[in-house]
């Protein structure tokens, strides 16, 4: 299983249920990477999308504790175990796409992390675990530094180190 995230210099990923910044190349990378695959997200992440609707051309799995939560064109599960069982039904790649509590719960099951690392510290209220300080993860690919207006960032691929 994979995950995909954009994180700032302090590993911040959002504030008030919104992304910290919108970088077109990051959005395009997210779209091209996840289209045709399976995405796992929390309820609040789904509700942050335009119209609160599932992403097109993907299998959307929403993980929520709310037993009565229903959403058209998405599969709703209520535990990590249920999510893991659900993804077994698909041959497509699986991407965890947020938010912070879903990333933390699913991280132990992921082997690859696609991180857009932004070289700026925003005011954030949600964070992603710092993979640079986690001995179980290492950077295996790194793009050239890119710039969008005054924002510098790079695309990194982290992989879980085999034990």
C-alpha atoms as a PDB file:
ATOM      1  CA  UNK A   1       0.000   0.000   0.000  1.00  0.00           C
ATOM      2  CA  UNK A   2       1.124   3.553  -0.772  1.00  0.00           C
ATOM      3  CA  UNK A   3       0.391   6.980   0.566  1.00  0.00           C
ATOM      4  CA  UNK A   4       0.542  10.387  -1.033  1.00  0.00           C
ATOM      5  CA  UNK A   5       0.854  13.690   0.817  1.00  0.00           C
ATOM      6  CA  UNK A   6       2.086  17.269   0.514  1.00  0.00           C
ATOM      7  CA  UNK A   7       3.890  18.399   3.673  1.00  0.00           C
ATOM      8  CA  UNK A   8       5.590  21.626   4.671  1.00  0.00           C
ATOM      9  CA  UNK A   9       8.983  22.072   6.356  1.00  0.00           C
ATOM     10  CA  UNK A  10       7.474  20.998   9.724  1.00  0.00           C
ATOM     11  CA  UNK A  11       5.474  18.141   8.164  1.00  0.00           C
ATOM     12  CA  UNK A  12       2.291  20.224   8.406  1.00  0.00           C
ATOM     13  CA  UNK A  13      -0.372  19.089   5.954  1.00  0.00           C
ATOM     14  CA  UNK A  14      -3.427  21.238   6.601  1.00  0.00           C
ATOM     15  CA  UNK A  15      -5.287  23.886   8.517  1.00  0.00           C
ATOM     16  CA  UNK A  16      -9.031  24.027   9.202  1.00  0.00           C
ATOM     17  CA  UNK A  17      -9.634  21.054   6.866  1.00  0.00           C
ATOM     18  CA  UNK A  18      -7.910  22.722   3.915  1.00  0.00           C
ATOM     19  CA  UNK A  19      -4.564  22.137   2.228  1.00  0.00           C
ATOM     20  CA  UNK A  20      -1.825  24.552   3.284  1.00  0.00           C
ATOM     21  CA  UNK A  21      -1.104  25.543  -0.317  1.00  0.00           C
ATOM     22  CA  UNK A  22      -2.210  24.524  -3.784  1.00  0.00           C
ATOM     23  CA  UNK A  23       0.663  23.811  -6.172  1.00  0.00           C
ATOM     24  CA  UNK A  24      -0.533  22.891  -9.704  1.00  0.00           C
ATOM     25  CA  UNK A  25       2.308  20.401 -10.323  1.00  0.00           C
ATOM     26  CA  UNK A  26       1.504  18.678  -7.002  1.00  0.00           C
ATOM     27  CA  UNK A  27      -2.206  18.503  -7.894  1.00  0.00           C
ATOM     28  CA  UNK A  28      -1.321  17.041 -11.299  1.00  0.00           C
ATOM     29  CA  UNK A  29       1.023  14.478  -9.701  1.00  0.00           C
ATOM     30  CA  UNK A  30      -1.746  13.484  -7.258  1.00  0.00           C
ATOM     31  CA  UNK A  31      -4.279  13.159 -10.082  1.00  0.00           C
ATOM     32  CA  UNK A  32      -2.062  11.136 -12.416  1.00  0.00           C
ATOM     33  CA  UNK A  33      -0.793   8.888  -9.607  1.00  0.00           C
ATOM     34  CA  UNK A  34      -4.168   8.045  -8.076  1.00  0.00           C
ATOM     35  CA  UNK A  35      -6.453   7.955 -11.152  1.00  0.00           C
ATOM     36  CA  UNK A  36      -7.561   4.412 -11.934  1.00  0.00           C
ATOM     37  CA  UNK A  37      -6.540   3.223  -8.481  1.00  0.00           C
ATOM     38  CA  UNK A  38      -7.995   2.872  -4.987  1.00  0.00           C
ATOM     39  CA  UNK A  39      -7.876   5.782  -2.510  1.00  0.00           C
ATOM     40  CA  UNK A  40      -8.460   5.551   1.238  1.00  0.00           C
ATOM     41  CA  UNK A  41      -9.416   8.690   3.121  1.00  0.00           C
ATOM     42  CA  UNK A  42     -11.184   9.921   6.196  1.00  0.00           C
ATOM     43  CA  UNK A  43     -14.609  11.539   6.198  1.00  0.00           C
ATOM     44  CA  UNK A  44     -13.259  15.062   6.686  1.00  0.00           C
ATOM     45  CA  UNK A  45     -10.900  14.660   3.726  1.00  0.00           C
ATOM     46  CA  UNK A  46     -13.809  13.577   1.532  1.00  0.00           C
ATOM     47  CA  UNK A  47     -15.889  16.510   2.748  1.00  0.00           C
ATOM     48  CA  UNK A  48     -13.040  18.904   1.849  1.00  0.00           C
ATOM     49  CA  UNK A  49     -13.330  17.960  -1.858  1.00  0.00           C
ATOM     50  CA  UNK A  50     -15.454  20.077  -4.236  1.00  0.00           C
ATOM     51  CA  UNK A  51     -19.076  19.343  -3.385  1.00  0.00           C
ATOM     52  CA  UNK A  52     -17.906  16.793  -0.803  1.00  0.00           C
ATOM     53  CA  UNK A  53     -17.975  14.228  -3.585  1.00  0.00           C
ATOM     54  CA  UNK A  54     -15.711  11.207  -4.108  1.00  0.00           C
ATOM     55  CA  UNK A  55     -12.848  11.540  -6.600  1.00  0.00           C
ATOM     56  CA  UNK A  56     -13.716  10.538 -10.152  1.00  0.00           C
ATOM     57  CA  UNK A  57     -12.122   7.498 -11.831  1.00  0.00           C
ATOM     58  CA  UNK A  58     -10.975   5.955  -8.554  1.00  0.00           C
ATOM     59  CA  UNK A  59     -12.377   3.514  -6.027  1.00  0.00           C
ATOM     60  CA  UNK A  60     -13.028   5.747  -2.987  1.00  0.00           C
ATOM     61  CA  UNK A  61     -12.893   4.121   0.448  1.00  0.00           C
ATOM     62  CA  UNK A  62     -13.905   6.357   3.342  1.00  0.00           C
ATOM     63  CA  UNK A  63     -12.843   5.392   6.855  1.00  0.00           C
ATOM     64  CA  UNK A  64     -15.080   6.856   9.572  1.00  0.00           C
ATOM     65  CA  UNK A  65     -16.249   5.904  13.058  1.00  0.00           C
ATOM     66  CA  UNK A  66     -19.753   7.189  12.200  1.00  0.00           C
ATOM     67  CA  UNK A  67     -21.760   3.969  11.653  1.00  0.00           C
ATOM     68  CA  UNK A  68     -24.558   5.917   9.913  1.00  0.00           C
ATOM     69  CA  UNK A  69     -22.303   7.724   7.417  1.00  0.00           C
ATOM     70  CA  UNK A  70     -23.234   7.099   3.792  1.00  0.00           C
ATOM     71  CA  UNK A  71     -21.935   8.703   0.628  1.00  0.00           C
ATOM     72  CA  UNK A  72     -22.858   8.034  -2.987  1.00  0.00           C
ATOM     73  CA  UNK A  73     -20.141   6.370  -5.109  1.00  0.00           C
ATOM     74  CA  UNK A  74     -17.882   5.545  -2.163  1.00  0.00           C
ATOM     75  CA  UNK A  75     -17.333   2.528   0.071  1.00  0.00           C
ATOM     76  CA  UNK A  76     -17.655   3.381   3.757  1.00  0.00           C
ATOM     77  CA  UNK A  77     -15.687   1.358   6.310  1.00  0.00           C
ATOM     78  CA  UNK A  78     -15.445   1.801  10.073  1.00  0.00           C
ATOM     79  CA  UNK A  79     -12.048   0.387  11.048  1.00  0.00           C
ATOM     80  CA  UNK A  80      -8.525  -0.058   9.724  1.00  0.00           C
ATOM     81  CA  UNK A  81      -9.143  -3.821   9.637  1.00  0.00           C
ATOM     82  CA  UNK A  82     -12.270  -3.316   7.519  1.00  0.00           C
ATOM     83  CA  UNK A  83     -10.323  -1.032   5.146  1.00  0.00           C
ATOM     84  CA  UNK A  84      -7.550  -3.629   4.818  1.00  0.00           C
ATOM     85  CA  UNK A  85     -10.116  -6.340   4.030  1.00  0.00           C
ATOM     86  CA  UNK A  86     -11.821  -4.100   1.456  1.00  0.00           C
ATOM     87  CA  UNK A  87      -8.613  -3.329  -0.474  1.00  0.00           C
ATOM     88  CA  UNK A  88      -7.939  -7.062  -0.917  1.00  0.00           C
ATOM     89  CA  UNK A  89     -10.788  -7.048  -3.466  1.00  0.00           C
ATOM     90  CA  UNK A  90      -8.804  -4.853  -5.889  1.00  0.00           C
ATOM     91  CA  UNK A  91      -5.775  -5.479  -8.076  1.00  0.00           C
ATOM     92  CA  UNK A  92      -5.183  -1.730  -8.508  1.00  0.00           C
ATOM     93  CA  UNK A  93      -2.663   0.190  -6.406  1.00  0.00           C
ATOM     94  CA  UNK A  94      -3.947   1.604  -3.116  1.00  0.00           C
ATOM     95  CA  UNK A  95      -3.145   5.145  -1.958  1.00  0.00           C
ATOM     96  CA  UNK A  96      -3.872   6.573   1.476  1.00  0.00           C
ATOM     97  CA  UNK A  97      -4.719  10.250   0.886  1.00  0.00           C
ATOM     98  CA  UNK A  98      -5.491  11.657   4.351  1.00  0.00           C
ATOM     99  CA  UNK A  99      -6.174  13.217   6.687  1.00  0.00           C
ATOM    100  CA  UNK A 100      -3.749  13.111   9.553  1.00  0.00           C
ATOM    101  CA  UNK A 101      -5.437  10.445  11.705  1.00  0.00           C
ATOM    102  CA  UNK A 102      -5.953   8.180   8.668  1.00  0.00           C
ATOM    103  CA  UNK A 103      -2.296   8.599   7.668  1.00  0.00           C
ATOM    104  CA  UNK A 104      -1.192   7.686  11.203  1.00  0.00           C
ATOM    105  CA  UNK A 105      -3.483   4.641  11.354  1.00  0.00           C
ATOM    106  CA  UNK A 106      -2.549   3.353   7.881  1.00  0.00           C
ATOM    107  CA  UNK A 107       1.183   4.177   7.894  1.00  0.00           C
ATOM    108  CA  UNK A 108       2.186   0.798   9.392  1.00  0.00           C
ATOM    109  CA  UNK A 109       0.581  -0.926   6.369  1.00  0.00           C
ATOM    110  CA  UNK A 110       2.244   1.266   3.733  1.00  0.00           C
ATOM    111  CA  UNK A 111       5.508   0.458   1.973  1.00  0.00           C
ATOM    112  CA  UNK A 112       5.874   3.567  -0.197  1.00  0.00           C
ATOM    113  CA  UNK A 113       5.203   7.249   0.481  1.00  0.00           C
ATOM    114  CA  UNK A 114       4.993   9.909  -2.226  1.00  0.00           C
ATOM    115  CA  UNK A 115       5.725  13.204  -0.467  1.00  0.00           C
ATOM    116  CA  UNK A 116       5.660  16.654  -1.998  1.00  0.00           C
ATOM    117  CA  UNK A 117       8.014  18.359   0.461  1.00  0.00           C
ATOM    118  CA  UNK A 118       7.490  22.118   0.616  1.00  0.00           C
ATOM    119  CA  UNK A 119      10.422  24.235   1.798  1.00  0.00           C
ATOM    120  CA  UNK A 120       8.330  26.595   3.931  1.00  0.00           C
ATOM    121  CA  UNK A 121       6.646  26.331   7.320  1.00  0.00           C
ATOM    122  CA  UNK A 122       2.976  27.285   7.212  1.00  0.00           C
ATOM    123  CA  UNK A 123       0.602  27.705  10.122  1.00  0.00           C
ATOM    124  CA  UNK A 124      -0.874  24.210  10.345  1.00  0.00           C
ATOM    125  CA  UNK A 125      -3.189  22.307  12.683  1.00  0.00           C
ATOM    126  CA  UNK A 126      -2.686  18.846  11.166  1.00  0.00           C
ATOM    127  CA  UNK A 127       0.597  17.054  10.647  1.00  0.00           C
ATOM    128  CA  UNK A 128       2.096  14.017   8.966  1.00  0.00           C
ATOM    129  CA  UNK A 129       4.648  11.845  10.809  1.00  0.00           C
ATOM    130  CA  UNK A 130       8.223  13.014  10.108  1.00  0.00           C
ATOM    131  CA  UNK A 131       9.598  10.258   7.872  1.00  0.00           C
ATOM    132  CA  UNK A 132      13.078  11.826   7.901  1.00  0.00           C
ATOM    133  CA  UNK A 133      13.311  11.001  11.625  1.00  0.00           C
ATOM    134  CA  UNK A 134      11.774   7.533  11.264  1.00  0.00           C
ATOM    135  CA  UNK A 135      14.456   4.852  10.888  1.00  0.00           C
ATOM    136  CA  UNK A 136      11.929   2.584   9.149  1.00  0.00           C
ATOM    137  CA  UNK A 137      11.792   4.928   6.126  1.00  0.00           C
ATOM    138  CA  UNK A 138      14.377   6.191   3.664  1.00  0.00           C
ATOM    139  CA  UNK A 139      14.291   8.499   0.641  1.00  0.00           C
ATOM    140  CA  UNK A 140      14.735   6.439  -2.524  1.00  0.00           C
ATOM    141  CA  UNK A 141      13.924   9.110  -5.118  1.00  0.00           C
ATOM    142  CA  UNK A 142      14.132  12.881  -5.069  1.00  0.00           C
ATOM    143  CA  UNK A 143      13.245  15.346  -7.832  1.00  0.00           C
ATOM    144  CA  UNK A 144      15.136  18.505  -8.628  1.00  0.00           C
ATOM    145  CA  UNK A 145      13.947  21.435  -6.537  1.00  0.00           C
ATOM    146  CA  UNK A 146      10.959  23.057  -8.209  1.00  0.00           C
ATOM    147  CA  UNK A 147       9.502  26.534  -7.815  1.00  0.00           C
ATOM    148  CA  UNK A 148       5.925  27.762  -8.035  1.00  0.00           C
ATOM    149  CA  UNK A 149       5.961  31.557  -7.628  1.00  0.00           C
ATOM    150  CA  UNK A 150       8.004  31.879  -4.424  1.00  0.00           C
ATOM    151  CA  UNK A 151       7.300  28.344  -3.153  1.00  0.00           C
ATOM    152  CA  UNK A 152      10.157  25.855  -3.400  1.00  0.00           C
ATOM    153  CA  UNK A 153       9.363  22.151  -3.200  1.00  0.00           C
ATOM    154  CA  UNK A 154      10.490  18.735  -4.352  1.00  0.00           C
ATOM    155  CA  UNK A 155       8.878  15.387  -4.966  1.00  0.00           C
ATOM    156  CA  UNK A 156      10.289  12.635  -2.767  1.00  0.00           C
ATOM    157  CA  UNK A 157       9.632   8.921  -2.661  1.00  0.00           C
ATOM    158  CA  UNK A 158      10.196   7.225   0.675  1.00  0.00           C
ATOM    159  CA  UNK A 159      10.271   3.459   1.029  1.00  0.00           C
ATOM    160  CA  UNK A 160       9.988   1.354   4.119  1.00  0.00           C
ATOM    161  CA  UNK A 161      13.327  -0.232   4.954  1.00  0.00           C
ATOM    162  CA  UNK A 162      13.008  -4.001   5.021  1.00  0.00           C
ATOM    163  CA  UNK A 163      13.614  -5.479   8.455  1.00  0.00           C
END
